[in-house]
Amino acid sequence: MAPKKTQDVTDTQAAVEALRAALDGAGIVLPSLRVDPASPGLQLVELGRVRADVAVRLAKALQPETRE
């Protein structure tokens, strides 16, 4: 049985833009952040590869004690 689609299905491009804005607010840039063109039906977001220092900054930004 196929899963039912719900009304809260996220627009993939809007999700990319929201994530990009949030990351920008934390001073983090993911250059490869985009909608995954190979899987339109799955609504995947490609985060891409980043340098180790960016990965560390991203990890710190996600830690509960560093968020306001």
PDB file of N, CA and C in Angstrom:
ATOM      1  N   MET A   1       0.839  -1.181   0.000  1.00  0.00           N
ATOM      2  CA  MET A   1       0.000   0.000   0.000  1.00  0.00           C
ATOM      3  C   MET A   1       0.887   1.248   0.000  1.00  0.00           C
ATOM      4  N   ALA A   2       0.649   2.143  -0.906  1.00  0.00           N
ATOM      5  CA  ALA A   2       1.445   3.373  -1.017  1.00  0.00           C
ATOM      6  C   ALA A   2       1.083   4.328   0.110  1.00  0.00           C
ATOM      7  N   PRO A   3       2.110   5.037   0.649  1.00  0.00           N
ATOM      8  CA  PRO A   3       1.810   6.001   1.715  1.00  0.00           C
ATOM      9  C   PRO A   3       0.956   7.148   1.184  1.00  0.00           C
ATOM     10  N   LYS A   4       0.070   7.630   2.039  1.00  0.00           N
ATOM     11  CA  LYS A   4      -0.774   8.761   1.669  1.00  0.00           C
ATOM     12  C   LYS A   4       0.042  10.040   1.659  1.00  0.00           C
ATOM     13  N   LYS A   5      -0.250  10.905   0.707  1.00  0.00           N
ATOM     14  CA  LYS A   5       0.376  12.221   0.691  1.00  0.00           C
ATOM     15  C   LYS A   5      -0.375  13.100   1.670  1.00  0.00           C
ATOM     16  N   THR A   6       0.365  13.854   2.441  1.00  0.00           N
ATOM     17  CA  THR A   6      -0.259  14.746   3.404  1.00  0.00           C
ATOM     18  C   THR A   6      -0.178  16.174   2.901  1.00  0.00           C
ATOM     19  N   GLN A   7      -0.944  17.046   3.511  1.00  0.00           N
ATOM     20  CA  GLN A   7      -0.943  18.443   3.085  1.00  0.00           C
ATOM     21  C   GLN A   7       0.338  19.162   3.464  1.00  0.00           C
ATOM     22  N   ASP A   8       1.113  18.607   4.382  1.00  0.00           N
ATOM     23  CA  ASP A   8       2.325  19.291   4.805  1.00  0.00           C
ATOM     24  C   ASP A   8       3.555  18.855   4.003  1.00  0.00           C
ATOM     25  N   VAL A   9       3.359  18.301   2.812  1.00  0.00           N
ATOM     26  CA  VAL A   9       4.488  17.944   1.960  1.00  0.00           C
ATOM     27  C   VAL A   9       5.241  19.232   1.631  1.00  0.00           C
ATOM     28  N   THR A  10       6.518  19.213   1.895  1.00  0.00           N
ATOM     29  CA  THR A  10       7.345  20.401   1.735  1.00  0.00           C
ATOM     30  C   THR A  10       7.761  20.597   0.283  1.00  0.00           C
ATOM     31  N   ASP A  11       7.653  21.826  -0.178  1.00  0.00           N
ATOM     32  CA  ASP A  11       8.181  22.186  -1.487  1.00  0.00           C
ATOM     33  C   ASP A  11       9.701  22.117  -1.375  1.00  0.00           C
ATOM     34  N   THR A  12      10.318  21.313  -2.203  1.00  0.00           N
ATOM     35  CA  THR A  12      11.752  21.062  -2.090  1.00  0.00           C
ATOM     36  C   THR A  12      12.578  22.333  -2.264  1.00  0.00           C
ATOM     37  N   GLN A  13      12.245  23.155  -3.239  1.00  0.00           N
ATOM     38  CA  GLN A  13      13.009  24.391  -3.443  1.00  0.00           C
ATOM     39  C   GLN A  13      12.854  25.319  -2.240  1.00  0.00           C
ATOM     40  N   ALA A  14      11.656  25.390  -1.670  1.00  0.00           N
ATOM     41  CA  ALA A  14      11.442  26.222  -0.482  1.00  0.00           C
ATOM     42  C   ALA A  14      12.261  25.687   0.689  1.00  0.00           C
ATOM     43  N   ALA A  15      12.376  24.364   0.782  1.00  0.00           N
ATOM     44  CA  ALA A  15      13.180  23.767   1.850  1.00  0.00           C
ATOM     45  C   ALA A  15      14.653  24.138   1.689  1.00  0.00           C
ATOM     46  N   VAL A  16      15.144  24.097   0.450  1.00  0.00           N
ATOM     47  CA  VAL A  16      16.538  24.473   0.174  1.00  0.00           C
ATOM     48  C   VAL A  16      16.765  25.939   0.557  1.00  0.00           C
ATOM     49  N   GLU A  17      15.845  26.791   0.167  1.00  0.00           N
ATOM     50  CA  GLU A  17      15.996  28.221   0.458  1.00  0.00           C
ATOM     51  C   GLU A  17      15.937  28.489   1.960  1.00  0.00           C
ATOM     52  N   ALA A  18      15.054  27.792   2.672  1.00  0.00           N
ATOM     53  CA  ALA A  18      14.957  27.965   4.126  1.00  0.00           C
ATOM     54  C   ALA A  18      16.233  27.494   4.809  1.00  0.00           C
ATOM     55  N   LEU A  19      16.761  26.361   4.365  1.00  0.00           N
ATOM     56  CA  LEU A  19      17.997  25.846   4.947  1.00  0.00           C
ATOM     57  C   LEU A  19      19.159  26.772   4.637  1.00  0.00           C
ATOM     58  N   ARG A  20      19.236  27.250   3.403  1.00  0.00           N
ATOM     59  CA  ARG A  20      20.320  28.171   3.026  1.00  0.00           C
ATOM     60  C   ARG A  20      20.280  29.433   3.891  1.00  0.00           C
ATOM     61  N   ALA A  21      19.089  29.977   4.121  1.00  0.00           N
ATOM     62  CA  ALA A  21      18.948  31.181   4.947  1.00  0.00           C
ATOM     63  C   ALA A  21      19.361  30.906   6.393  1.00  0.00           C
ATOM     64  N   ALA A  22      18.952  29.762   6.927  1.00  0.00           N
ATOM     65  CA  ALA A  22      19.313  29.420   8.307  1.00  0.00           C
ATOM     66  C   ALA A  22      20.821  29.225   8.446  1.00  0.00           C
ATOM     67  N   LEU A  23      21.417  28.550   7.478  1.00  0.00           N
ATOM     68  CA  LEU A  23      22.866  28.349   7.507  1.00  0.00           C
ATOM     69  C   LEU A  23      23.593  29.678   7.375  1.00  0.00           C
ATOM     70  N   ASP A  24      23.095  30.545   6.500  1.00  0.00           N
ATOM     71  CA  ASP A  24      23.694  31.865   6.326  1.00  0.00           C
ATOM     72  C   ASP A  24      23.675  32.637   7.643  1.00  0.00           C
ATOM     73  N   GLY A  25      22.572  32.524   8.370  1.00  0.00           N
ATOM     74  CA  GLY A  25      22.472  33.191   9.668  1.00  0.00           C
ATOM     75  C   GLY A  25      23.501  32.687  10.661  1.00  0.00           C
ATOM     76  N   ALA A  26      23.938  31.444  10.476  1.00  0.00           N
ATOM     77  CA  ALA A  26      24.971  30.865  11.341  1.00  0.00           C
ATOM     78  C   ALA A  26      26.364  31.045  10.747  1.00  0.00           C
ATOM     79  N   GLY A  27      26.451  31.753   9.606  1.00  0.00           N
ATOM     80  CA  GLY A  27      27.752  31.979   8.978  1.00  0.00           C
ATOM     81  C   GLY A  27      28.293  30.755   8.262  1.00  0.00           C
ATOM     82  N   ILE A  28      27.415  29.880   7.817  1.00  0.00           N
ATOM     83  CA  ILE A  28      27.829  28.636   7.169  1.00  0.00           C
ATOM     84  C   ILE A  28      27.310  28.623   5.737  1.00  0.00           C
ATOM     85  N   VAL A  29      28.191  28.274   4.801  1.00  0.00           N
ATOM     86  CA  VAL A  29      27.815  28.172   3.392  1.00  0.00           C
ATOM     87  C   VAL A  29      28.070  26.747   2.928  1.00  0.00           C
ATOM     88  N   LEU A  30      27.040  26.117   2.379  1.00  0.00           N
ATOM     89  CA  LEU A  30      27.192  24.816   1.734  1.00  0.00           C
ATOM     90  C   LEU A  30      27.077  25.078   0.230  1.00  0.00           C
ATOM     91  N   PRO A  31      28.212  25.164  -0.472  1.00  0.00           N
ATOM     92  CA  PRO A  31      28.192  25.546  -1.879  1.00  0.00           C
ATOM     93  C   PRO A  31      27.375  24.615  -2.768  1.00  0.00           C
ATOM     94  N   SER A  32      27.264  23.360  -2.400  1.00  0.00           N
ATOM     95  CA  SER A  32      26.564  22.391  -3.240  1.00  0.00           C
ATOM     96  C   SER A  32      25.102  22.211  -2.846  1.00  0.00           C
ATOM     97  N   LEU A  33      24.600  22.991  -1.914  1.00  0.00           N
ATOM     98  CA  LEU A  33      23.215  22.866  -1.453  1.00  0.00           C
ATOM     99  C   LEU A  33      22.262  23.137  -2.613  1.00  0.00           C
ATOM    100  N   ARG A  34      21.387  22.148  -2.924  1.00  0.00           N
ATOM    101  CA  ARG A  34      20.459  22.301  -4.035  1.00  0.00           C
ATOM    102  C   ARG A  34      19.413  21.198  -3.994  1.00  0.00           C
ATOM    103  N   VAL A  35      18.391  21.362  -4.806  1.00  0.00           N
ATOM    104  CA  VAL A  35      17.415  20.300  -5.013  1.00  0.00           C
ATOM    105  C   VAL A  35      18.112  19.211  -5.812  1.00  0.00           C
ATOM    106  N   ASP A  36      17.930  17.965  -5.418  1.00  0.00           N
ATOM    107  CA  ASP A  36      18.530  16.844  -6.139  1.00  0.00           C
ATOM    108  C   ASP A  36      17.732  16.605  -7.416  1.00  0.00           C
ATOM    109  N   PRO A  37      18.312  16.921  -8.580  1.00  0.00           N
ATOM    110  CA  PRO A  37      17.560  16.797  -9.837  1.00  0.00           C
ATOM    111  C   PRO A  37      17.307  15.347 -10.260  1.00  0.00           C
ATOM    112  N   ALA A  38      18.038  14.410  -9.679  1.00  0.00           N
ATOM    113  CA  ALA A  38      17.899  13.008 -10.071  1.00  0.00           C
ATOM    114  C   ALA A  38      16.733  12.308  -9.376  1.00  0.00           C
ATOM    115  N   SER A  39      16.087  12.992  -8.427  1.00  0.00           N
ATOM    116  CA  SER A  39      15.030  12.324  -7.667  1.00  0.00           C
ATOM    117  C   SER A  39      13.847  13.247  -7.381  1.00  0.00           C
ATOM    118  N   PRO A  40      13.231  13.811  -8.395  1.00  0.00           N
ATOM    119  CA  PRO A  40      12.148  14.771  -8.146  1.00  0.00           C
ATOM    120  C   PRO A  40      10.992  14.188  -7.350  1.00  0.00           C
ATOM    121  N   GLY A  41      10.703  12.927  -7.537  1.00  0.00           N
ATOM    122  CA  GLY A  41       9.596  12.308  -6.817  1.00  0.00           C
ATOM    123  C   GLY A  41       9.878  12.086  -5.344  1.00  0.00           C
ATOM    124  N   LEU A  42      11.149  12.007  -4.991  1.00  0.00           N
ATOM    125  CA  LEU A  42      11.524  11.766  -3.592  1.00  0.00           C
ATOM    126  C   LEU A  42      11.709  13.052  -2.804  1.00  0.00           C
ATOM    127  N   GLN A  43      11.758  14.176  -3.486  1.00  0.00           N
ATOM    128  CA  GLN A  43      11.954  15.480  -2.854  1.00  0.00           C
ATOM    129  C   GLN A  43      13.227  15.517  -2.000  1.00  0.00           C
ATOM    130  N   LEU A  44      14.331  15.043  -2.573  1.00  0.00           N
ATOM    131  CA  LEU A  44      15.602  15.037  -1.855  1.00  0.00           C
ATOM    132  C   LEU A  44      16.328  16.360  -2.021  1.00  0.00           C
ATOM    133  N   VAL A  45      17.033  16.741  -0.957  1.00  0.00           N
ATOM    134  CA  VAL A  45      17.872  17.933  -0.970  1.00  0.00           C
ATOM    135  C   VAL A  45      19.315  17.458  -0.906  1.00  0.00           C
ATOM    136  N   GLU A  46      20.106  17.913  -1.852  1.00  0.00           N
ATOM    137  CA  GLU A  46      21.523  17.562  -1.877  1.00  0.00           C
ATOM    138  C   GLU A  46      22.304  18.574  -1.050  1.00  0.00           C
ATOM    139  N   LEU A  47      23.014  18.092  -0.040  1.00  0.00           N
ATOM    140  CA  LEU A  47      23.804  18.976   0.813  1.00  0.00           C
ATOM    141  C   LEU A  47      25.219  19.136   0.284  1.00  0.00           C
ATOM    142  N   GLY A  48      25.718  18.140  -0.414  1.00  0.00           N
ATOM    143  CA  GLY A  48      27.037  18.233  -1.021  1.00  0.00           C
ATOM    144  C   GLY A  48      28.172  17.983  -0.045  1.00  0.00           C
ATOM    145  N   ARG A  49      29.375  18.207  -0.520  1.00  0.00           N
ATOM    146  CA  ARG A  49      30.569  18.010   0.295  1.00  0.00           C
ATOM    147  C   ARG A  49      31.061  19.354   0.795  1.00  0.00           C
ATOM    148  N   VAL A  50      31.688  19.334   1.975  1.00  0.00           N
ATOM    149  CA  VAL A  50      32.227  20.567   2.557  1.00  0.00           C
ATOM    150  C   VAL A  50      33.599  20.278   3.153  1.00  0.00           C
ATOM    151  N   ARG A  51      34.357  21.350   3.345  1.00  0.00           N
ATOM    152  CA  ARG A  51      35.651  21.220   4.012  1.00  0.00           C
ATOM    153  C   ARG A  51      35.419  20.833   5.475  1.00  0.00           C
ATOM    154  N   ALA A  52      36.441  20.274   6.093  1.00  0.00           N
ATOM    155  CA  ALA A  52      36.338  19.825   7.483  1.00  0.00           C
ATOM    156  C   ALA A  52      35.998  20.980   8.429  1.00  0.00           C
ATOM    157  N   ASP A  53      36.561  22.169   8.187  1.00  0.00           N
ATOM    158  CA  ASP A  53      36.271  23.290   9.086  1.00  0.00           C
ATOM    159  C   ASP A  53      34.803  23.707   9.008  1.00  0.00           C
ATOM    160  N   VAL A  54      34.201  23.588   7.845  1.00  0.00           N
ATOM    161  CA  VAL A  54      32.781  23.911   7.694  1.00  0.00           C
ATOM    162  C   VAL A  54      31.939  22.852   8.406  1.00  0.00           C
ATOM    163  N   ALA A  55      32.337  21.593   8.305  1.00  0.00           N
ATOM    164  CA  ALA A  55      31.628  20.517   8.996  1.00  0.00           C
ATOM    165  C   ALA A  55      31.667  20.729  10.509  1.00  0.00           C
ATOM    166  N   VAL A  56      32.798  21.171  11.030  1.00  0.00           N
ATOM    167  CA  VAL A  56      32.922  21.430  12.470  1.00  0.00           C
ATOM    168  C   VAL A  56      32.025  22.611  12.867  1.00  0.00           C
ATOM    169  N   ARG A  57      32.007  23.670  12.068  1.00  0.00           N
ATOM    170  CA  ARG A  57      31.139  24.820  12.370  1.00  0.00           C
ATOM    171  C   ARG A  57      29.671  24.420  12.317  1.00  0.00           C
ATOM    172  N   LEU A  58      29.323  23.579  11.373  1.00  0.00           N
ATOM    173  CA  LEU A  58      27.950  23.104  11.265  1.00  0.00           C
ATOM    174  C   LEU A  58      27.583  22.264  12.493  1.00  0.00           C
ATOM    175  N   ALA A  59      28.472  21.386  12.896  1.00  0.00           N
ATOM    176  CA  ALA A  59      28.225  20.564  14.084  1.00  0.00           C
ATOM    177  C   ALA A  59      28.041  21.431  15.322  1.00  0.00           C
ATOM    178  N   LYS A  60      28.882  22.445  15.469  1.00  0.00           N
ATOM    179  CA  LYS A  60      28.758  23.347  16.621  1.00  0.00           C
ATOM    180  C   LYS A  60      27.446  24.114  16.582  1.00  0.00           C
ATOM    181  N   ALA A  61      27.021  24.534  15.390  1.00  0.00           N
ATOM    182  CA  ALA A  61      25.773  25.282  15.267  1.00  0.00           C
ATOM    183  C   ALA A  61      24.568  24.421  15.629  1.00  0.00           C
ATOM    184  N   LEU A  62      24.690  23.120  15.477  1.00  0.00           N
ATOM    185  CA  LEU A  62      23.587  22.215  15.784  1.00  0.00           C
ATOM    186  C   LEU A  62      23.562  21.759  17.246  1.00  0.00           C
ATOM    187  N   GLN A  63      24.592  22.048  17.981  1.00  0.00           N
ATOM    188  CA  GLN A  63      24.641  21.660  19.397  1.00  0.00           C
ATOM    189  C   GLN A  63      23.647  22.495  20.183  1.00  0.00           C
ATOM    190  N   PRO A  64      22.841  21.880  21.049  1.00  0.00           N
ATOM    191  CA  PRO A  64      21.831  22.630  21.804  1.00  0.00           C
ATOM    192  C   PRO A  64      22.411  23.778  22.635  1.00  0.00           C
ATOM    193  N   GLU A  65      23.564  23.607  23.205  1.00  0.00           N
ATOM    194  CA  GLU A  65      24.124  24.653  24.052  1.00  0.00           C
ATOM    195  C   GLU A  65      24.620  25.874  23.274  1.00  0.00           C
ATOM    196  N   THR A  66      24.771  25.739  21.950  1.00  0.00           N
ATOM    197  CA  THR A  66      25.243  26.882  21.169  1.00  0.00           C
ATOM    198  C   THR A  66      24.099  27.614  20.487  1.00  0.00           C
ATOM    199  N   ARG A  67      22.891  27.024  20.541  1.00  0.00           N
ATOM    200  CA  ARG A  67      21.723  27.683  19.927  1.00  0.00           C
ATOM    201  C   ARG A  67      21.067  28.590  20.954  1.00  0.00           C
ATOM    202  N   GLU A  68      20.454  29.650  20.434  1.00  0.00           N
ATOM    203  CA  GLU A  68      19.737  30.580  21.327  1.00  0.00           C
ATOM    204  C   GLU A  68      18.263  30.324  21.246  1.00  0.00           C
TER     205      GLU A  68
END
